[in-house]
Protein backbone atom coordinates (compact mmCIF):
# COMPACT_ATOMS: atom_id res chain seq x y z
CA MET A 1 -7.18 -19.08 14.70
CA GLY A 2 -6.99 -16.27 12.14
CA GLY A 3 -7.05 -12.51 12.60
CA LYS A 4 -4.33 -9.89 12.87
CA ALA A 5 -2.47 -9.21 16.12
CA VAL A 6 -3.65 -6.25 18.15
CA SER A 7 -1.84 -4.02 20.64
CA SER A 8 -2.20 -4.47 24.38
CA GLU A 9 -4.02 -1.13 24.62
CA LEU A 10 -6.53 -2.20 22.00
CA GLN A 11 -6.98 -5.55 23.76
CA VAL A 12 -8.00 -3.69 26.92
CA SER A 13 -10.58 -1.69 24.94
CA LEU A 14 -11.94 -4.85 23.32
CA VAL A 15 -12.32 -6.59 26.67
CA ALA A 16 -13.99 -3.54 28.25
CA ALA A 17 -16.49 -3.32 25.39
CA CYS A 18 -17.36 -7.01 25.69
CA GLN A 19 -17.71 -6.86 29.47
CA SER A 20 -20.04 -3.85 29.26
CA GLY A 21 -22.79 -6.27 28.24
CA ARG A 22 -23.94 -3.91 25.50
CA PHE A 23 -22.32 -5.63 22.52
CA THR A 24 -21.74 -9.10 21.15
CA ILE A 25 -18.27 -10.22 20.09
CA ALA A 26 -19.20 -9.63 16.44
CA GLU A 27 -20.42 -6.13 17.24
CA VAL A 28 -17.23 -5.29 19.15
CA ALA A 29 -15.15 -6.59 16.22
CA THR A 30 -17.09 -4.42 13.79
CA ARG A 31 -16.80 -1.37 16.04
CA PHE A 32 -13.01 -1.61 16.38
CA GLY A 33 -12.29 -2.88 12.87
CA VAL A 34 -10.81 -6.23 13.88
CA SER A 35 -11.80 -9.86 13.37
CA ASP A 36 -13.97 -11.90 15.72
CA SER A 37 -10.98 -14.12 16.47
CA SER A 38 -8.91 -11.11 17.59
CA VAL A 39 -11.61 -10.20 20.10
CA LYS A 40 -11.74 -13.79 21.39
CA ARG A 41 -7.94 -13.90 21.81
CA ALA A 42 -8.05 -10.66 23.76
CA LEU A 43 -10.69 -12.04 26.09
CA LEU A 44 -8.73 -15.28 26.67
CA ALA A 45 -5.53 -13.32 27.27
CA HIS A 46 -7.30 -11.39 30.04
CA GLY A 47 -8.71 -14.50 31.66
CA VAL A 48 -12.28 -13.99 30.44
CA LYS A 49 -14.06 -17.28 29.85
CA LEU A 50 -15.89 -17.49 26.55
CA THR A 51 -19.50 -18.57 26.84
CA ARG A 52 -22.18 -19.31 24.31
CA ARG A 53 -23.20 -16.03 22.73
CA GLY A 54 -26.61 -14.73 23.67
CA PRO A 55 -28.96 -12.80 21.43
CA ALA A 56 -27.64 -9.65 19.75
CA ARG A 57 -28.27 -6.36 21.48
CA LYS A 58 -31.62 -4.82 20.59
CA LEU A 59 -31.59 -1.36 19.08
CA SER A 60 -33.43 1.46 20.76
CA GLU A 61 -36.34 3.12 18.98
CA GLU A 62 -34.11 6.08 18.07
CA GLU A 63 -31.45 3.74 16.68
CA GLU A 64 -34.05 1.81 14.65
CA ALA A 65 -35.26 5.10 13.19
CA GLU A 66 -31.68 5.99 12.24
CA VAL A 67 -31.15 2.58 10.61
CA VAL A 68 -34.28 2.97 8.48
CA ARG A 69 -33.38 6.52 7.50
CA ARG A 70 -29.82 5.66 6.50
CA SER A 71 -30.87 2.51 4.65
CA ARG A 72 -33.39 4.53 2.68
CA ALA A 73 -30.59 6.97 1.81
CA GLY A 74 -28.66 4.08 0.23
CA GLU A 75 -26.16 3.09 2.96
CA SER A 76 -25.34 -0.61 3.24
CA PRO A 77 -25.84 -2.57 6.50
CA ARG A 78 -22.06 -2.79 6.86
CA ALA A 79 -21.62 1.00 6.56
CA ILE A 80 -24.38 1.63 9.09
CA ALA A 81 -22.97 -0.96 11.51
CA LYS A 82 -19.56 0.76 11.62
CA THR A 83 -21.02 3.84 13.27
CA MET A 84 -23.94 2.52 15.33
CA PRO A 85 -22.09 0.26 16.44
CA VAL A 86 -23.68 -3.14 15.91
CA SER A 87 -23.02 -6.02 13.54
CA PRO A 88 -24.15 -5.84 9.90
CA GLN A 89 -26.36 -8.86 10.58
CA THR A 90 -28.14 -6.96 13.37
CA ILE A 91 -28.83 -4.16 10.89
CA ARG A 92 -30.13 -6.64 8.31
CA ASN A 93 -32.34 -8.35 10.89
CA THR A 94 -33.72 -5.02 12.09
CA LEU A 95 -34.61 -3.90 8.57
CA ALA A 96 -36.21 -7.25 7.74
CA ARG A 97 -38.34 -7.14 10.89
CA LEU A 98 -39.52 -3.58 10.32
CA ARG A 99 -40.33 -4.22 6.65
CA ALA A 100 -42.37 -7.26 7.64
CA GLY A 101 -44.38 -5.18 10.11
CA GLY A 102 -42.69 -6.63 13.20
CA GLU A 103 -43.04 -5.76 16.85
CA ARG A 104 -42.03 -2.09 16.45
CA ARG A 105 -44.01 0.18 14.13
CA PHE A 106 -43.23 3.82 13.53
CA ARG A 107 -45.90 6.37 12.74
CA ALA A 108 -45.92 6.81 8.98
CA ILE A 109 -46.63 10.21 7.48
CA VAL A 110 -47.11 11.69 4.02
CA TYR A 111 -45.98 15.31 4.06
CA GLU A 112 -45.82 18.38 1.87
CA ILE A 113 -42.71 20.56 1.76
CA THR A 114 -43.38 24.16 0.66
CA TYR A 115 -40.46 26.25 -0.59
CA GLN A 116 -40.33 30.03 -0.51
CA ASN A 117 -41.12 30.26 -4.23
CA GLY A 118 -44.43 28.49 -3.59
CA LYS A 119 -43.43 25.19 -5.21
CA ILE A 120 -43.99 21.99 -3.25
CA TYR A 121 -42.63 18.49 -2.76
CA VAL A 122 -44.72 15.56 -1.49
CA GLY A 123 -43.03 12.64 0.21
CA GLN A 124 -43.33 10.01 2.91
CA ASP A 125 -41.51 9.22 6.15
CA ARG A 126 -42.05 5.88 7.86
CA THR A 127 -39.89 6.80 10.87
CA ASP A 128 -41.75 9.97 12.02
CA ASP A 129 -38.48 11.91 12.09
CA ILE A 130 -39.23 15.55 12.95
CA ASN A 131 -36.02 16.64 11.20
CA TYR A 132 -36.64 14.82 7.89
CA PHE A 133 -37.38 17.15 4.97
CA GLY A 134 -37.51 14.77 2.07
CA SER A 135 -35.19 13.73 -0.76
CA ALA A 136 -36.13 16.15 -3.52
CA ASP A 137 -33.54 16.71 -6.26
CA SER A 138 -31.27 19.49 -4.96
CA ALA A 139 -30.16 20.50 -8.46
CA LEU A 140 -33.79 20.87 -9.52
CA ILE A 141 -34.49 23.17 -6.58
CA ALA A 142 -31.26 25.15 -6.92
CA ALA A 143 -32.14 26.06 -10.50
CA ASP A 144 -35.10 28.09 -9.21
CA PHE A 145 -33.17 30.25 -6.72
CA THR A 146 -30.43 32.87 -6.87
CA ARG A 147 -27.43 33.09 -4.57
CA ALA A 148 -29.17 35.95 -2.77
CA ASP A 149 -32.20 33.74 -2.16
CA ARG A 150 -30.01 31.29 -0.28
CA GLU A 151 -29.01 33.86 2.33
CA ARG A 152 -32.36 33.41 4.06
CA PHE A 153 -34.00 30.22 2.85
CA THR A 154 -37.29 29.07 4.36
CA VAL A 155 -39.12 25.79 3.89
CA THR A 156 -42.12 24.44 5.79
CA ARG A 157 -43.37 20.90 6.22
CA SER A 158 -47.06 20.04 6.61
CA ILE A 159 -48.42 16.57 7.41
CA LEU A 160 -51.07 15.59 4.86
CA TRP A 161 -51.79 12.09 6.24
CA GLU A 162 -50.54 9.86 9.04
CA SER A 163 -51.06 6.35 10.37
CA ASP A 164 -49.72 4.06 13.10
CA ALA A 165 -50.81 0.86 11.37
CA ALA A 166 -50.49 1.34 7.59
CA THR A 167 -48.42 -1.14 5.59
CA ARG A 168 -45.60 0.05 3.36
CA GLN A 169 -47.81 -0.54 0.33
CA GLU A 170 -50.57 1.62 1.82
CA VAL A 171 -48.13 4.44 2.53
CA ASP A 172 -46.81 4.20 -1.06
CA ARG A 173 -50.36 4.37 -2.40
CA VAL A 174 -51.31 7.42 -0.32
CA GLU A 175 -48.08 9.18 -1.31
CA SER A 176 -48.86 8.64 -5.02
CA GLU A 177 -52.41 9.88 -4.54
CA MET A 178 -51.20 13.02 -2.78
CA ILE A 179 -48.59 13.70 -5.48
CA LEU A 180 -51.35 13.60 -8.08
CA ARG A 181 -53.89 15.48 -5.96
CA TYR A 182 -51.53 18.39 -5.26
CA ARG A 183 -49.90 18.19 -8.72
CA SER A 184 -46.41 18.23 -7.22
CA ASN A 185 -45.26 16.17 -10.22
CA ASP A 186 -46.04 19.12 -12.51
CA PRO A 187 -42.79 21.11 -12.93
CA GLU A 188 -44.73 24.36 -12.68
CA VAL A 189 -46.11 23.30 -9.30
CA GLY A 190 -43.58 21.09 -7.57
CA TYR A 191 -40.35 19.10 -7.49
CA ASN A 192 -41.55 15.48 -7.44
CA LYS A 193 -39.88 13.37 -10.13
CA THR A 194 -41.88 10.25 -9.26
CA LEU A 195 -45.00 10.09 -11.48
CA ARG A 196 -43.54 13.13 -13.28
CA VAL A 197 -45.62 14.61 -16.07
CA HIS A 198 -44.77 17.21 -18.67
CA LEU A 199 -46.11 20.72 -18.59
CA HIS A 200 -49.03 20.00 -20.91
CA ASP A 201 -50.38 16.82 -19.31
CA PRO A 202 -53.34 17.91 -17.12
CA LEU A 203 -55.36 15.16 -18.78
CA LEU A 204 -52.93 12.50 -17.53
CA ALA A 205 -52.97 13.84 -13.98
CA THR A 206 -56.78 13.64 -13.99
CA ALA A 207 -56.85 10.20 -15.61
CA LEU A 208 -54.48 8.73 -13.01
CA THR A 209 -56.90 9.64 -10.23
CA ALA A 210 -60.05 8.42 -12.03
CA ASP A 211 -61.93 5.54 -10.41
CA CYS A 212 -62.26 3.49 -13.58
CA VAL A 213 -60.09 3.52 -16.71
CA VAL A 214 -59.28 1.44 -19.75
CA LEU A 215 -55.68 0.21 -19.89
CA SER A 216 -54.30 -0.64 -23.30
CA VAL A 217 -50.83 -1.99 -24.01
CA MET A 218 -49.30 -0.12 -26.91
CA GLY A 219 -47.30 -1.68 -29.74
CA PRO A 220 -46.60 -1.32 -33.47
CA HIS A 221 -49.40 -2.11 -35.91
CA ALA A 222 -49.37 -2.93 -39.62
CA GLY A 223 -45.96 -1.39 -40.18
CA GLU A 224 -46.60 1.75 -38.13
CA ASP A 225 -44.72 2.52 -34.93
CA GLU A 226 -46.41 4.03 -31.87
CA GLY A 227 -45.49 7.61 -32.75
CA ARG A 228 -47.07 7.45 -36.21
CA ILE A 229 -50.20 5.76 -34.88
CA PHE A 230 -50.70 8.43 -32.23
CA ALA A 231 -50.08 11.24 -34.74
CA ARG A 232 -52.69 9.81 -37.11
CA LYS A 233 -55.28 9.33 -34.37
CA ILE A 234 -54.71 12.81 -32.96
CA ALA A 235 -55.22 14.22 -36.45
CA ASP A 236 -58.56 12.33 -36.63
CA VAL A 237 -59.73 13.98 -33.40
CA GLU A 238 -58.73 17.42 -34.65
CA ALA A 239 -60.47 16.89 -38.00
CA THR A 240 -63.62 14.98 -37.00
CA GLY A 241 -63.90 15.30 -33.21
CA ARG A 242 -63.24 11.60 -32.59
CA THR A 243 -61.15 8.59 -33.52
CA PHE A 244 -61.74 4.84 -33.44
CA TRP A 245 -59.16 2.67 -31.66
CA LEU A 246 -59.61 -0.94 -32.77
CA HIS A 247 -58.95 -3.86 -30.43
CA ARG A 248 -60.08 -7.48 -30.04
CA SER A 249 -59.82 -7.94 -26.28
CA PRO A 250 -62.84 -9.75 -24.77
CA ARG A 251 -62.30 -7.78 -21.55
CA ALA A 252 -63.13 -4.42 -23.12
CA ARG A 253 -66.09 -5.23 -25.36
CA PRO A 254 -68.77 -2.55 -25.80
CA ASP A 255 -71.10 -4.21 -23.24
CA VAL A 256 -68.28 -4.39 -20.66
CA VAL A 257 -67.36 -0.74 -21.22
CA ARG A 258 -71.00 0.34 -20.87
CA ARG A 259 -71.31 -1.43 -17.51
CA SER A 260 -68.21 0.16 -16.01
CA ARG A 261 -68.46 3.58 -17.70
CA PRO A 262 -64.76 4.57 -17.72
CA THR A 263 -63.87 8.07 -18.89
CA PHE A 264 -60.21 7.66 -19.86
CA VAL A 265 -57.92 5.29 -21.74
CA LEU A 266 -54.29 4.98 -20.64
CA PHE A 267 -51.97 3.67 -23.34
CA ILE A 268 -49.05 1.97 -21.57
CA THR A 269 -45.86 0.14 -22.44
CA PRO A 270 -45.60 -3.67 -22.32
CA ALA A 271 -43.71 -5.36 -19.49
CA ILE A 272 -40.82 -6.09 -21.88
CA ALA A 273 -39.96 -4.74 -25.32
CA SER A 274 -41.23 -7.91 -27.02
CA GLY A 275 -44.39 -8.00 -24.90
CA ALA A 276 -46.57 -6.32 -27.51
CA ARG A 277 -46.86 -8.58 -30.53
CA PRO A 278 -46.89 -6.53 -33.78
CA THR A 279 -50.06 -7.02 -35.81
CA ASN A 280 -50.05 -7.20 -39.59
CA GLU A 281 -53.78 -7.14 -40.32
CA THR A 282 -54.63 -4.28 -42.69
CA ALA A 283 -58.33 -4.89 -43.33
CA SER A 284 -60.23 -1.60 -42.94
CA ALA A 285 -63.50 -1.33 -41.04
CA THR A 286 -66.24 0.58 -42.86
CA GLU A 287 -69.10 0.50 -40.33
CA TYR A 288 -69.64 0.78 -36.57
CA ALA A 289 -72.54 0.07 -34.24
CA ALA A 290 -72.97 0.69 -30.52
CA ASP A 291 -75.40 -2.23 -30.18
CA GLY A 292 -74.14 -4.48 -32.97
CA VAL A 293 -77.45 -4.07 -34.82
CA GLN A 294 -77.80 -0.57 -36.20
CA TRP A 295 -74.73 0.04 -38.33
CA THR A 296 -73.39 3.45 -39.36
CA PRO A 297 -70.72 4.14 -42.00
CA ILE A 298 -67.36 5.35 -40.68
CA PRO A 299 -66.90 8.90 -42.09
CA PRO A 300 -64.78 8.97 -45.25
CA ASP A 301 -62.54 11.73 -43.86
CA HIS A 302 -61.49 9.45 -40.99
CA SER A 303 -58.14 7.67 -41.29
CA PRO A 304 -58.31 3.89 -41.84
CA VAL A 305 -59.48 1.79 -38.88
CA THR A 306 -57.48 -1.36 -39.54
CA GLY A 307 -57.05 -4.74 -37.93
CA LYS A 308 -58.53 -8.19 -37.81
CA LEU A 309 -62.30 -7.92 -38.26
CA PRO A 310 -64.87 -8.08 -36.82
CA ALA A 311 -63.66 -6.31 -33.71
CA SER A 312 -64.41 -3.67 -31.09
CA ALA A 313 -63.20 -0.08 -31.11
CA LEU A 314 -62.81 2.51 -28.37
CA VAL A 315 -64.23 5.87 -29.42
CA LEU A 316 -61.97 8.70 -28.30
CA SER A 317 -62.95 12.37 -28.25
CA GLY A 318 -59.46 13.44 -27.19
CA LEU A 319 -55.94 12.01 -27.32
CA THR A 320 -52.70 13.43 -25.93
CA GLN A 321 -49.21 11.96 -25.95
CA CYS A 322 -47.44 12.16 -22.60
CA ASP A 323 -44.73 10.62 -20.49
CA GLY A 324 -45.92 9.39 -17.13
CA VAL A 325 -45.87 6.35 -14.87
CA ILE A 326 -48.68 4.10 -13.67
CA ASP A 327 -48.58 1.66 -10.76
CA LEU A 328 -50.60 -1.42 -11.73
CA TRP A 329 -50.72 -2.59 -8.11
CA THR A 330 -53.09 0.29 -7.37
CA TYR A 331 -55.72 -1.13 -9.77
CA ALA A 332 -58.10 -4.09 -9.66
CA ASP A 333 -60.16 -5.78 -12.35
CA ALA A 334 -63.17 -3.54 -13.02
CA GLU A 335 -65.54 -6.51 -13.14
CA SER A 336 -64.13 -8.21 -10.03
CA SER A 337 -62.66 -5.80 -7.47
CA GLU A 338 -61.06 -8.68 -5.51
CA GLU A 339 -58.87 -9.64 -8.47
CA PRO A 340 -55.80 -7.71 -9.69
CA VAL A 341 -55.70 -6.20 -13.15
CA ARG A 342 -54.05 -8.58 -15.64
CA LEU A 343 -52.70 -7.78 -19.09
CA ARG A 344 -51.64 -10.51 -21.49
CA LEU A 345 -51.46 -11.36 -25.17
CA GLY A 346 -55.01 -11.61 -26.50
CA ALA A 347 -56.33 -9.42 -23.68
CA SER A 348 -54.04 -6.41 -23.68
CA THR A 349 -56.90 -3.91 -23.43
CA VAL A 350 -58.79 -4.19 -20.13
CA LEU A 351 -60.96 -2.22 -17.75
CA ALA A 352 -59.45 -1.42 -14.38
CA ARG A 353 -60.77 0.15 -11.20
CA ARG A 354 -58.82 1.82 -8.40
CA GLY A 355 -57.95 -0.67 -5.65
CA ASP A 356 -54.94 -1.86 -3.67
CA THR A 357 -53.92 -5.28 -5.02
CA SER A 358 -50.30 -5.13 -3.84
CA GLY A 359 -50.84 -8.09 -1.53
CA HIS A 360 -52.61 -10.34 -4.05
CA PRO A 361 -50.55 -13.37 -5.14
CA GLY A 362 -51.82 -13.02 -8.70
CA ARG A 363 -50.78 -9.39 -9.18
CA MET A 364 -48.80 -8.31 -12.23
CA MET A 365 -45.07 -8.86 -11.76
CA SER A 366 -44.22 -5.71 -13.75
CA ARG A 367 -45.66 -3.14 -11.38
CA LYS A 368 -44.66 0.21 -12.94
CA ARG A 369 -45.35 1.00 -16.60
CA ARG A 370 -44.80 4.12 -18.65
CA VAL A 371 -47.89 5.91 -19.87
CA LEU A 372 -47.38 6.95 -23.49
CA ALA A 373 -50.72 8.66 -24.13
CA VAL A 374 -54.08 9.33 -22.52
CA GLY A 375 -57.38 9.40 -24.35
CA SER A 376 -60.80 10.74 -23.38
CA LEU A 377 -63.63 8.36 -24.15
CA ALA A 378 -66.56 9.75 -26.12
CA GLU A 379 -70.07 9.24 -24.78
CA THR A 380 -70.50 6.09 -26.85
CA GLY A 381 -67.33 4.68 -25.25
CA CYS A 382 -66.89 1.55 -27.30
CA VAL A 383 -68.53 0.17 -30.45
CA TYR A 384 -68.49 -2.84 -32.69
CA VAL A 385 -66.75 -2.43 -36.05
CA ARG A 386 -66.77 -4.50 -39.24
């Protein structure tokens, strides 16, 4: 039998811990930093008969809350077990049960922290810990305060939402909604780095809370990279009040756009770098029609609208580059609210409506995408081009 030898004093402590009935052999071994076999030898040496091990000790509600809190802070099950004390496997089992919505549920809250400079931080706590004040970036906060400010530093926490039965996905969704609603991801307003936007992105913050949007995967086109394409389209808006964004996706045709009436277009990154296939078509459209019957010439002062023709084109009255994040699991297909939004080659521009699809087996595997730009749809929304 392996394991290092232990002193007689330590053997007495090992036996006492085992006979207390509070810990398994594995938990005693973890607590005292010895092997299971060392604990068993100590028991045999003191005439204690080894019996088949029963179930591991259950954690109290307070201990479960501590396990969740420390796991969320990045501690491993082994590190947590050394101070609880229980076995690492007990910690792993506890976390697995709580994540799966097991027998014990804690009240989940989404809160707002207000600092004395008026800035805020929005976060969530699934353990209902009265002493938890979030995990905002300390360096980010410190940059806003002097040493004198620290001498008397006041923060307050307000509960924005709470639930005894919400799933983890529901809590995540509400937290994101509150971050956007209270603009705590705007550096002038708050300290949230999740869903962070730059100072000049009010359009993105509004678009991310809209009920229905167009999602379009961005990639290079006809030798132009994304930056040049955006610059050219923004120049069109400034010069003519609109720009045409050509696409050939059957899930964002003019008739589909008219039915759903979205107001924004979110241009997002592909799931992987090679996910957006570069197009080489350089044919220029010269006419557009909202109904496909009455055609109007594209103004000559508009930059070329190129691609494989005939096609559809989104009509944008505004376009702003940005740097944000979108969670695709919070959107459903605009035409079928029970189905998750899906983006793929040949249909990389789609209409999406707000809806929790995190539990759908057909959801997108790449959940979070960067938002590169946001566009405002003109009243005509989408047209046919040729």
